[in-house]
Amino acid sequence: MSPFLAEVLGTALLIVFGAGVCANVNLKKSFAYNSGWIVITFGWGLGVAMAAYAVGQFSGAHLNPAVTFGLAFNGDFPWSDVPMYILAQMIGAIIGSAIIYLHFLPHWHATKDPGVKLGVFATGPAIPHYFSNILSEIIGTFVLVIGLLTIGANTFAEGLNPFIVGFLIIAIGISLGGTTGYAINPARDLGPRIAHFILPIPGKGSSNWGYSWIPVLGPLLGGSFAGVFYKAFFSGSMTSAFWIILAVMVVVLILAYMADRKQSLAEKAALLADEN
């Protein structure tokens, strides 16, 4: 199997498990309805593990552009293969989303809330706040990629690594995921969001494109910084990329903070206008 096809199939399998557990827990008249956040975190974590077992031998099972970027910045993956991997991951994510749409076909009619339907496919903030939301995604993805690199530096019994990675995903979801739904993977969010936009889901509402840049840019920054951070502090090789990515993160966070301030002032002005 080629690495391209492996990343397509692995990412599709990841989304089948991940979006599948979100659908199972949140769509009405599912037997798993309302079974909670812990079930969702275990579904995603075990889904990552199973996808890694399936295709790891062929592509390394990145399944995530942020991981691909992090490994490239750390020097463990050739930059020339990055575009191919990201394209494969996006295609796989859309395919996996389409499978979940078909699997739960009658449940879209039974579920009336369009926000719940979108939540099966894409993430959203518990409290909308650009600065905090993108910072959460940066931190979560930084922890993911640092975790992957440190797991890879240890020796486990043969075949155990994907299972340990699955528990890393569970840990991130349980500890950090409640703020933004822990996308920590641009393909995991953008691919299914595109599928939500395209698929004929009854009463689906908006795909919330205004938020969509956060679960793309945040993970890319967090994963990239994790790669250069690991190279600098674990491998002892500081590069200019460390300072460049750090500067870009700071600029993005400042712009997000300014956008929040602007929105807050506009809301206060509107409230004063209503009172007068």
C-alpha atoms as a PDB file:
ATOM      1  CA  MET A   1       0.000   0.000   0.000  1.00  0.00           C
ATOM      2  CA  SER A   2       1.315   3.462  -0.858  1.00  0.00           C
ATOM      3  CA  PRO A   3       1.766   6.048   1.924  1.00  0.00           C
ATOM      4  CA  PHE A   4      -0.837   8.265   0.194  1.00  0.00           C
ATOM      5  CA  LEU A   5      -3.508   5.562   0.216  1.00  0.00           C
ATOM      6  CA  ALA A   6      -2.562   4.582   3.759  1.00  0.00           C
ATOM      7  CA  GLU A   7      -3.117   8.145   5.002  1.00  0.00           C
ATOM      8  CA  VAL A   8      -6.461   8.299   3.147  1.00  0.00           C
ATOM      9  CA  LEU A   9      -7.679   5.012   4.642  1.00  0.00           C
ATOM     10  CA  GLY A  10      -6.227   5.658   8.096  1.00  0.00           C
ATOM     11  CA  THR A  11      -7.768   9.119   8.388  1.00  0.00           C
ATOM     12  CA  ALA A  12     -11.100   7.824   7.086  1.00  0.00           C
ATOM     13  CA  LEU A  13     -11.026   5.105   9.745  1.00  0.00           C
ATOM     14  CA  LEU A  14     -10.130   7.664  12.412  1.00  0.00           C
ATOM     15  CA  ILE A  15     -13.146   9.796  11.464  1.00  0.00           C
ATOM     16  CA  VAL A  16     -15.454   6.764  11.327  1.00  0.00           C
ATOM     17  CA  PHE A  17     -14.589   6.042  14.962  1.00  0.00           C
ATOM     18  CA  GLY A  18     -14.350   9.680  16.084  1.00  0.00           C
ATOM     19  CA  ALA A  19     -17.314  11.261  14.340  1.00  0.00           C
ATOM     20  CA  GLY A  20     -19.109   7.974  14.927  1.00  0.00           C
ATOM     21  CA  VAL A  21     -18.836   8.230  18.708  1.00  0.00           C
ATOM     22  CA  CYS A  22     -19.982  11.875  18.548  1.00  0.00           C
ATOM     23  CA  ALA A  23     -23.024  10.801  16.524  1.00  0.00           C
ATOM     24  CA  ASN A  24     -23.686   7.840  18.790  1.00  0.00           C
ATOM     25  CA  VAL A  25     -23.685   9.998  21.922  1.00  0.00           C
ATOM     26  CA  ASN A  26     -25.471  13.084  20.575  1.00  0.00           C
ATOM     27  CA  LEU A  27     -28.007  12.051  17.945  1.00  0.00           C
ATOM     28  CA  LYS A  28     -31.512  11.302  19.180  1.00  0.00           C
ATOM     29  CA  LYS A  29     -32.799   7.718  19.364  1.00  0.00           C
ATOM     30  CA  SER A  30     -29.314   6.219  19.369  1.00  0.00           C
ATOM     31  CA  PHE A  31     -28.948   3.601  22.123  1.00  0.00           C
ATOM     32  CA  ALA A  32     -25.811   5.469  23.242  1.00  0.00           C
ATOM     33  CA  TYR A  33     -27.616   8.830  23.398  1.00  0.00           C
ATOM     34  CA  ASN A  34     -26.422  11.137  26.164  1.00  0.00           C
ATOM     35  CA  SER A  35     -23.739   8.738  27.412  1.00  0.00           C
ATOM     36  CA  GLY A  36     -21.319  11.601  27.932  1.00  0.00           C
ATOM     37  CA  TRP A  37     -17.904  13.120  27.444  1.00  0.00           C
ATOM     38  CA  ILE A  38     -15.903  10.167  28.760  1.00  0.00           C
ATOM     39  CA  VAL A  39     -17.396   7.913  26.107  1.00  0.00           C
ATOM     40  CA  ILE A  40     -16.478  10.467  23.424  1.00  0.00           C
ATOM     41  CA  THR A  41     -12.865  10.737  24.609  1.00  0.00           C
ATOM     42  CA  PHE A  42     -12.446   6.957  24.661  1.00  0.00           C
ATOM     43  CA  GLY A  43     -14.050   6.652  21.227  1.00  0.00           C
ATOM     44  CA  TRP A  44     -11.599   9.145  19.723  1.00  0.00           C
ATOM     45  CA  GLY A  45      -8.591   7.679  21.537  1.00  0.00           C
ATOM     46  CA  LEU A  46      -9.299   4.091  20.585  1.00  0.00           C
ATOM     47  CA  GLY A  47     -10.143   5.258  17.058  1.00  0.00           C
ATOM     48  CA  VAL A  48      -6.690   6.805  16.721  1.00  0.00           C
ATOM     49  CA  ALA A  49      -5.127   3.589  18.019  1.00  0.00           C
ATOM     50  CA  MET A  50      -7.044   1.378  15.584  1.00  0.00           C
ATOM     51  CA  ALA A  51      -6.250   3.648  12.630  1.00  0.00           C
ATOM     52  CA  ALA A  52      -2.573   3.634  13.598  1.00  0.00           C
ATOM     53  CA  TYR A  53      -2.565  -0.163  13.818  1.00  0.00           C
ATOM     54  CA  ALA A  54      -4.178  -0.344  10.385  1.00  0.00           C
ATOM     55  CA  VAL A  55      -1.790   1.859   8.399  1.00  0.00           C
ATOM     56  CA  GLY A  56       1.201   2.643  10.594  1.00  0.00           C
ATOM     57  CA  GLN A  57       3.419   0.172   8.767  1.00  0.00           C
ATOM     58  CA  PHE A  58       2.740   1.904   5.443  1.00  0.00           C
ATOM     59  CA  SER A  59       2.794   5.643   6.226  1.00  0.00           C
ATOM     60  CA  GLY A  60       3.697   6.062   9.882  1.00  0.00           C
ATOM     61  CA  ALA A  61       0.011   6.878  10.513  1.00  0.00           C
ATOM     62  CA  HIS A  62       0.274  10.657  10.834  1.00  0.00           C
ATOM     63  CA  LEU A  63      -3.484  11.079  10.172  1.00  0.00           C
ATOM     64  CA  ASN A  64      -3.103  14.748  11.082  1.00  0.00           C
ATOM     65  CA  PRO A  65      -1.457  17.708   9.290  1.00  0.00           C
ATOM     66  CA  ALA A  66      -0.268  19.078  12.637  1.00  0.00           C
ATOM     67  CA  VAL A  67       1.616  15.842  13.285  1.00  0.00           C
ATOM     68  CA  THR A  68       3.044  15.925   9.761  1.00  0.00           C
ATOM     69  CA  PHE A  69       4.250  19.503  10.290  1.00  0.00           C
ATOM     70  CA  GLY A  70       5.630  18.702  13.736  1.00  0.00           C
ATOM     71  CA  LEU A  71       7.631  15.736  12.451  1.00  0.00           C
ATOM     72  CA  ALA A  72       8.905  17.759   9.484  1.00  0.00           C
ATOM     73  CA  PHE A  73      10.063  20.607  11.734  1.00  0.00           C
ATOM     74  CA  ASN A  74      11.736  18.080  14.024  1.00  0.00           C
ATOM     75  CA  GLY A  75      13.606  16.647  11.046  1.00  0.00           C
ATOM     76  CA  ASP A  76      11.924  13.232  11.163  1.00  0.00           C
ATOM     77  CA  PHE A  77       9.913  13.641   7.958  1.00  0.00           C
ATOM     78  CA  PRO A  78      10.817  15.048   4.512  1.00  0.00           C
ATOM     79  CA  TRP A  79       9.199  18.363   3.621  1.00  0.00           C
ATOM     80  CA  SER A  80       8.722  17.168   0.059  1.00  0.00           C
ATOM     81  CA  ASP A  81       6.121  14.638   1.266  1.00  0.00           C
ATOM     82  CA  VAL A  82       4.147  17.089   3.426  1.00  0.00           C
ATOM     83  CA  PRO A  83       1.666  18.274   0.719  1.00  0.00           C
ATOM     84  CA  MET A  84       0.888  14.675  -0.319  1.00  0.00           C
ATOM     85  CA  TYR A  85       0.200  13.623   3.254  1.00  0.00           C
ATOM     86  CA  ILE A  86      -2.050  16.609   3.975  1.00  0.00           C
ATOM     87  CA  LEU A  87      -4.056  16.044   0.791  1.00  0.00           C
ATOM     88  CA  ALA A  88      -4.501  12.376   1.692  1.00  0.00           C
ATOM     89  CA  GLN A  89      -5.600  13.263   5.222  1.00  0.00           C
ATOM     90  CA  MET A  90      -8.205  15.724   3.962  1.00  0.00           C
ATOM     91  CA  ILE A  91      -9.612  13.236   1.462  1.00  0.00           C
ATOM     92  CA  GLY A  92      -9.770  10.550   4.122  1.00  0.00           C
ATOM     93  CA  ALA A  93     -11.536  12.836   6.582  1.00  0.00           C
ATOM     94  CA  ILE A  94     -14.240  13.689   4.048  1.00  0.00           C
ATOM     95  CA  ILE A  95     -14.724  10.016   3.142  1.00  0.00           C
ATOM     96  CA  GLY A  96     -15.002   9.025   6.810  1.00  0.00           C
ATOM     97  CA  SER A  97     -17.573  11.764   7.391  1.00  0.00           C
ATOM     98  CA  ALA A  98     -19.686  10.560   4.470  1.00  0.00           C
ATOM     99  CA  ILE A  99     -19.680   7.045   5.926  1.00  0.00           C
ATOM    100  CA  ILE A 100     -20.949   8.348   9.262  1.00  0.00           C
ATOM    101  CA  TYR A 101     -23.646  10.357   7.515  1.00  0.00           C
ATOM    102  CA  LEU A 102     -24.902   7.165   5.870  1.00  0.00           C
ATOM    103  CA  HIS A 103     -24.537   5.026   8.977  1.00  0.00           C
ATOM    104  CA  PHE A 104     -26.774   7.308  11.056  1.00  0.00           C
ATOM    105  CA  LEU A 105     -29.127   8.201   8.206  1.00  0.00           C
ATOM    106  CA  PRO A 106     -32.502   8.116  10.067  1.00  0.00           C
ATOM    107  CA  HIS A 107     -31.068   9.834  13.150  1.00  0.00           C
ATOM    108  CA  TRP A 108     -30.537  13.139  11.329  1.00  0.00           C
ATOM    109  CA  HIS A 109     -34.322  13.414  10.959  1.00  0.00           C
ATOM    110  CA  ALA A 110     -34.870  12.459  14.609  1.00  0.00           C
ATOM    111  CA  THR A 111     -32.449  15.155  15.836  1.00  0.00           C
ATOM    112  CA  LYS A 112     -33.789  18.699  15.533  1.00  0.00           C
ATOM    113  CA  ASP A 113     -30.906  20.812  16.878  1.00  0.00           C
ATOM    114  CA  PRO A 114     -28.632  21.904  13.978  1.00  0.00           C
ATOM    115  CA  GLY A 115     -25.793  22.605  16.414  1.00  0.00           C
ATOM    116  CA  VAL A 116     -25.817  18.979  17.527  1.00  0.00           C
ATOM    117  CA  LYS A 117     -25.613  17.839  13.913  1.00  0.00           C
ATOM    118  CA  LEU A 118     -22.648  20.101  13.230  1.00  0.00           C
ATOM    119  CA  GLY A 119     -20.996  18.843  16.420  1.00  0.00           C
ATOM    120  CA  VAL A 120     -20.906  15.329  15.000  1.00  0.00           C
ATOM    121  CA  PHE A 121     -18.599  16.588  12.258  1.00  0.00           C
ATOM    122  CA  ALA A 122     -16.735  19.633  13.535  1.00  0.00           C
ATOM    123  CA  THR A 123     -15.623  21.248  16.763  1.00  0.00           C
ATOM    124  CA  GLY A 124     -16.817  24.462  18.364  1.00  0.00           C
ATOM    125  CA  PRO A 125     -15.991  26.530  21.449  1.00  0.00           C
ATOM    126  CA  ALA A 126     -17.726  26.049  24.790  1.00  0.00           C
ATOM    127  CA  ILE A 127     -17.279  29.826  25.252  1.00  0.00           C
ATOM    128  CA  PRO A 128     -16.589  31.766  22.024  1.00  0.00           C
ATOM    129  CA  HIS A 129     -13.413  33.772  22.613  1.00  0.00           C
ATOM    130  CA  TYR A 130     -10.836  33.906  19.829  1.00  0.00           C
ATOM    131  CA  PHE A 131      -7.764  34.291  22.051  1.00  0.00           C
ATOM    132  CA  SER A 132      -8.696  31.509  24.455  1.00  0.00           C
ATOM    133  CA  ASN A 133     -10.006  29.206  21.731  1.00  0.00           C
ATOM    134  CA  ILE A 134      -6.900  29.324  19.554  1.00  0.00           C
ATOM    135  CA  LEU A 135      -4.640  29.120  22.624  1.00  0.00           C
ATOM    136  CA  SER A 136      -6.493  25.965  23.711  1.00  0.00           C
ATOM    137  CA  GLU A 137      -5.912  24.381  20.315  1.00  0.00           C
ATOM    138  CA  ILE A 138      -2.246  25.393  20.332  1.00  0.00           C
ATOM    139  CA  ILE A 139      -1.712  23.896  23.800  1.00  0.00           C
ATOM    140  CA  GLY A 140      -3.650  20.697  23.088  1.00  0.00           C
ATOM    141  CA  THR A 141      -1.782  20.034  19.847  1.00  0.00           C
ATOM    142  CA  PHE A 142       1.567  20.925  21.389  1.00  0.00           C
ATOM    143  CA  VAL A 143       0.910  18.293  24.063  1.00  0.00           C
ATOM    144  CA  LEU A 144      -0.144  15.808  21.365  1.00  0.00           C
ATOM    145  CA  VAL A 145       2.981  16.169  19.228  1.00  0.00           C
ATOM    146  CA  ILE A 146       5.379  16.338  22.185  1.00  0.00           C
ATOM    147  CA  GLY A 147       3.635  13.234  23.508  1.00  0.00           C
ATOM    148  CA  LEU A 148       4.057  11.413  20.197  1.00  0.00           C
ATOM    149  CA  LEU A 149       7.738  12.317  20.000  1.00  0.00           C
ATOM    150  CA  THR A 150       8.437  11.246  23.589  1.00  0.00           C
ATOM    151  CA  ILE A 151       6.468   8.007  23.160  1.00  0.00           C
ATOM    152  CA  GLY A 152       8.527   7.303  20.055  1.00  0.00           C
ATOM    153  CA  ALA A 153      11.727   7.791  22.045  1.00  0.00           C
ATOM    154  CA  ASN A 154      10.790   4.967  24.426  1.00  0.00           C
ATOM    155  CA  THR A 155      10.876   1.228  23.866  1.00  0.00           C
ATOM    156  CA  PHE A 156       7.647  -0.721  24.327  1.00  0.00           C
ATOM    157  CA  ALA A 157       6.653  -4.296  23.690  1.00  0.00           C
ATOM    158  CA  GLU A 158       6.227  -4.842  19.962  1.00  0.00           C
ATOM    159  CA  GLY A 159       2.960  -3.416  18.632  1.00  0.00           C
ATOM    160  CA  LEU A 160       2.087  -1.476  21.798  1.00  0.00           C
ATOM    161  CA  ASN A 161       2.901   2.063  20.579  1.00  0.00           C
ATOM    162  CA  PRO A 162      -0.448   2.784  18.833  1.00  0.00           C
ATOM    163  CA  PHE A 163      -2.314   1.737  21.980  1.00  0.00           C
ATOM    164  CA  ILE A 164      -0.230   4.138  24.093  1.00  0.00           C
ATOM    165  CA  VAL A 165      -0.905   6.904  21.544  1.00  0.00           C
ATOM    166  CA  GLY A 166      -4.621   6.181  21.882  1.00  0.00           C
ATOM    167  CA  PHE A 167      -4.370   6.775  25.620  1.00  0.00           C
ATOM    168  CA  LEU A 168      -2.534  10.043  24.931  1.00  0.00           C
ATOM    169  CA  ILE A 169      -5.574  11.185  22.902  1.00  0.00           C
ATOM    170  CA  ILE A 170      -7.892  10.098  25.720  1.00  0.00           C
ATOM    171  CA  ALA A 171      -5.787  12.020  28.260  1.00  0.00           C
ATOM    172  CA  ILE A 172      -5.862  15.192  26.145  1.00  0.00           C
ATOM    173  CA  GLY A 173      -9.626  14.919  25.722  1.00  0.00           C
ATOM    174  CA  ILE A 174     -10.306  14.321  29.406  1.00  0.00           C
ATOM    175  CA  SER A 175      -7.895  16.999  30.654  1.00  0.00           C
ATOM    176  CA  LEU A 176      -7.950  19.720  27.976  1.00  0.00           C
ATOM    177  CA  GLY A 177     -10.786  18.997  25.557  1.00  0.00           C
ATOM    178  CA  GLY A 178     -13.714  20.727  27.209  1.00  0.00           C
ATOM    179  CA  THR A 179     -12.886  24.227  25.965  1.00  0.00           C
ATOM    180  CA  THR A 180     -12.979  23.711  22.197  1.00  0.00           C
ATOM    181  CA  GLY A 181     -13.723  20.027  21.682  1.00  0.00           C
ATOM    182  CA  TYR A 182      -9.984  19.411  21.117  1.00  0.00           C
ATOM    183  CA  ALA A 183      -9.758  19.318  17.341  1.00  0.00           C
ATOM    184  CA  ILE A 184      -5.926  19.108  17.620  1.00  0.00           C
ATOM    185  CA  ASN A 185      -6.041  18.070  13.955  1.00  0.00           C
ATOM    186  CA  PRO A 186      -6.882  20.381  11.026  1.00  0.00           C
ATOM    187  CA  ALA A 187      -8.022  17.503   8.801  1.00  0.00           C
ATOM    188  CA  ARG A 188     -10.230  16.105  11.565  1.00  0.00           C
ATOM    189  CA  ASP A 189     -12.144  19.396  11.708  1.00  0.00           C
ATOM    190  CA  LEU A 190     -11.949  20.906   8.226  1.00  0.00           C
ATOM    191  CA  GLY A 191     -12.613  17.692   6.295  1.00  0.00           C
ATOM    192  CA  PRO A 192     -15.787  16.831   8.218  1.00  0.00           C
ATOM    193  CA  ARG A 193     -16.880  20.488   8.174  1.00  0.00           C
ATOM    194  CA  ILE A 194     -16.655  20.428   4.366  1.00  0.00           C
ATOM    195  CA  ALA A 195     -18.634  17.174   4.385  1.00  0.00           C
ATOM    196  CA  HIS A 196     -21.268  18.792   6.633  1.00  0.00           C
ATOM    197  CA  PHE A 197     -21.518  21.661   4.150  1.00  0.00           C
ATOM    198  CA  ILE A 198     -21.875  19.336   1.146  1.00  0.00           C
ATOM    199  CA  LEU A 199     -23.972  16.446   2.450  1.00  0.00           C
ATOM    200  CA  PRO A 200     -27.806  16.635   2.315  1.00  0.00           C
ATOM    201  CA  ILE A 201     -28.248  16.498   6.098  1.00  0.00           C
ATOM    202  CA  PRO A 202     -31.826  17.518   6.935  1.00  0.00           C
ATOM    203  CA  GLY A 203     -32.072  20.685   9.035  1.00  0.00           C
ATOM    204  CA  LYS A 204     -28.314  20.949   9.351  1.00  0.00           C
ATOM    205  CA  GLY A 205     -28.014  24.738   9.581  1.00  0.00           C
ATOM    206  CA  SER A 206     -24.742  26.636   9.274  1.00  0.00           C
ATOM    207  CA  SER A 207     -21.326  24.975   9.025  1.00  0.00           C
ATOM    208  CA  ASN A 208     -19.929  27.835  11.180  1.00  0.00           C
ATOM    209  CA  TRP A 209     -17.173  28.849   8.796  1.00  0.00           C
ATOM    210  CA  GLY A 210     -16.437  31.901  10.933  1.00  0.00           C
ATOM    211  CA  TYR A 211     -14.874  29.617  13.543  1.00  0.00           C
ATOM    212  CA  SER A 212     -13.288  27.136  11.133  1.00  0.00           C
ATOM    213  CA  TRP A 213      -9.887  28.862  10.971  1.00  0.00           C
ATOM    214  CA  ILE A 214      -9.215  28.252  14.680  1.00  0.00           C
ATOM    215  CA  PRO A 215      -9.119  24.405  14.596  1.00  0.00           C
ATOM    216  CA  VAL A 216      -6.892  24.670  11.514  1.00  0.00           C
ATOM    217  CA  LEU A 217      -4.399  27.391  12.452  1.00  0.00           C
ATOM    218  CA  GLY A 218      -4.211  26.557  16.174  1.00  0.00           C
ATOM    219  CA  PRO A 219      -3.193  22.902  15.675  1.00  0.00           C
ATOM    220  CA  LEU A 220      -0.757  23.766  12.883  1.00  0.00           C
ATOM    221  CA  LEU A 221       0.980  26.290  15.139  1.00  0.00           C
ATOM    222  CA  GLY A 222       0.929  23.987  18.171  1.00  0.00           C
ATOM    223  CA  GLY A 223       2.203  20.977  16.251  1.00  0.00           C
ATOM    224  CA  SER A 224       4.906  22.942  14.455  1.00  0.00           C
ATOM    225  CA  PHE A 225       6.125  24.533  17.676  1.00  0.00           C
ATOM    226  CA  ALA A 226       6.196  21.127  19.362  1.00  0.00           C
ATOM    227  CA  GLY A 227       8.484  19.878  16.597  1.00  0.00           C
ATOM    228  CA  VAL A 228      11.014  22.695  16.969  1.00  0.00           C
ATOM    229  CA  PHE A 229      10.672  22.635  20.773  1.00  0.00           C
ATOM    230  CA  TYR A 230      11.513  18.935  20.901  1.00  0.00           C
ATOM    231  CA  LYS A 231      14.442  19.468  18.556  1.00  0.00           C
ATOM    232  CA  ALA A 232      15.743  22.338  20.704  1.00  0.00           C
ATOM    233  CA  PHE A 233      15.261  20.970  24.226  1.00  0.00           C
ATOM    234  CA  PHE A 234      15.200  17.189  23.841  1.00  0.00           C
ATOM    235  CA  SER A 235      17.680  16.827  20.970  1.00  0.00           C
ATOM    236  CA  GLY A 236      19.776  19.915  21.779  1.00  0.00           C
ATOM    237  CA  SER A 237      19.491  21.508  18.335  1.00  0.00           C
ATOM    238  CA  MET A 238      18.111  25.042  18.440  1.00  0.00           C
ATOM    239  CA  THR A 239      17.195  26.439  15.007  1.00  0.00           C
ATOM    240  CA  SER A 240      15.875  29.740  13.678  1.00  0.00           C
ATOM    241  CA  ALA A 241      12.553  27.996  12.990  1.00  0.00           C
ATOM    242  CA  PHE A 242      11.984  27.867  16.772  1.00  0.00           C
ATOM    243  CA  TRP A 243      12.008  31.660  17.052  1.00  0.00           C
ATOM    244  CA  ILE A 244      10.078  32.205  13.829  1.00  0.00           C
ATOM    245  CA  ILE A 245       7.216  29.893  14.854  1.00  0.00           C
ATOM    246  CA  LEU A 246       7.204  31.361  18.369  1.00  0.00           C
ATOM    247  CA  ALA A 247       6.956  34.879  16.886  1.00  0.00           C
ATOM    248  CA  VAL A 248       4.122  33.828  14.558  1.00  0.00           C
ATOM    249  CA  MET A 249       2.223  32.332  17.508  1.00  0.00           C
ATOM    250  CA  VAL A 250       2.624  35.512  19.521  1.00  0.00           C
ATOM    251  CA  VAL A 251       1.407  37.648  16.594  1.00  0.00           C
ATOM    252  CA  VAL A 252      -1.614  35.393  16.012  1.00  0.00           C
ATOM    253  CA  LEU A 253      -2.522  35.487  19.699  1.00  0.00           C
ATOM    254  CA  ILE A 254      -2.194  39.282  19.811  1.00  0.00           C
ATOM    255  CA  LEU A 255      -4.449  39.605  16.749  1.00  0.00           C
ATOM    256  CA  ALA A 256      -6.966  37.223  18.323  1.00  0.00           C
ATOM    257  CA  TYR A 257      -6.918  39.266  21.538  1.00  0.00           C
ATOM    258  CA  MET A 258      -7.472  42.480  19.571  1.00  0.00           C
ATOM    259  CA  ALA A 259     -10.394  40.872  17.715  1.00  0.00           C
ATOM    260  CA  ASP A 260     -11.947  39.886  21.052  1.00  0.00           C
ATOM    261  CA  ARG A 261     -11.506  43.422  22.385  1.00  0.00           C
ATOM    262  CA  LYS A 262     -13.054  44.913  19.261  1.00  0.00           C
ATOM    263  CA  GLN A 263     -16.026  42.579  19.492  1.00  0.00           C
ATOM    264  CA  SER A 264     -16.461  43.272  23.213  1.00  0.00           C
ATOM    265  CA  LEU A 265     -16.432  47.043  22.646  1.00  0.00           C
ATOM    266  CA  ALA A 266     -18.940  46.688  19.790  1.00  0.00           C
ATOM    267  CA  GLU A 267     -21.254  44.653  22.027  1.00  0.00           C
ATOM    268  CA  LYS A 268     -20.994  47.245  24.823  1.00  0.00           C
ATOM    269  CA  ALA A 269     -21.723  50.060  22.356  1.00  0.00           C
ATOM    270  CA  ALA A 270     -24.756  48.199  21.041  1.00  0.00           C
ATOM    271  CA  LEU A 271     -25.994  47.619  24.587  1.00  0.00           C
ATOM    272  CA  LEU A 272     -25.635  51.315  25.449  1.00  0.00           C
ATOM    273  CA  ALA A 273     -27.466  52.255  22.270  1.00  0.00           C
ATOM    274  CA  ASP A 274     -30.339  49.955  23.209  1.00  0.00           C
ATOM    275  CA  GLU A 275     -30.532  51.445  26.697  1.00  0.00           C
ATOM    276  CA  ASN A 276     -30.714  54.964  25.296  1.00  0.00           C
END
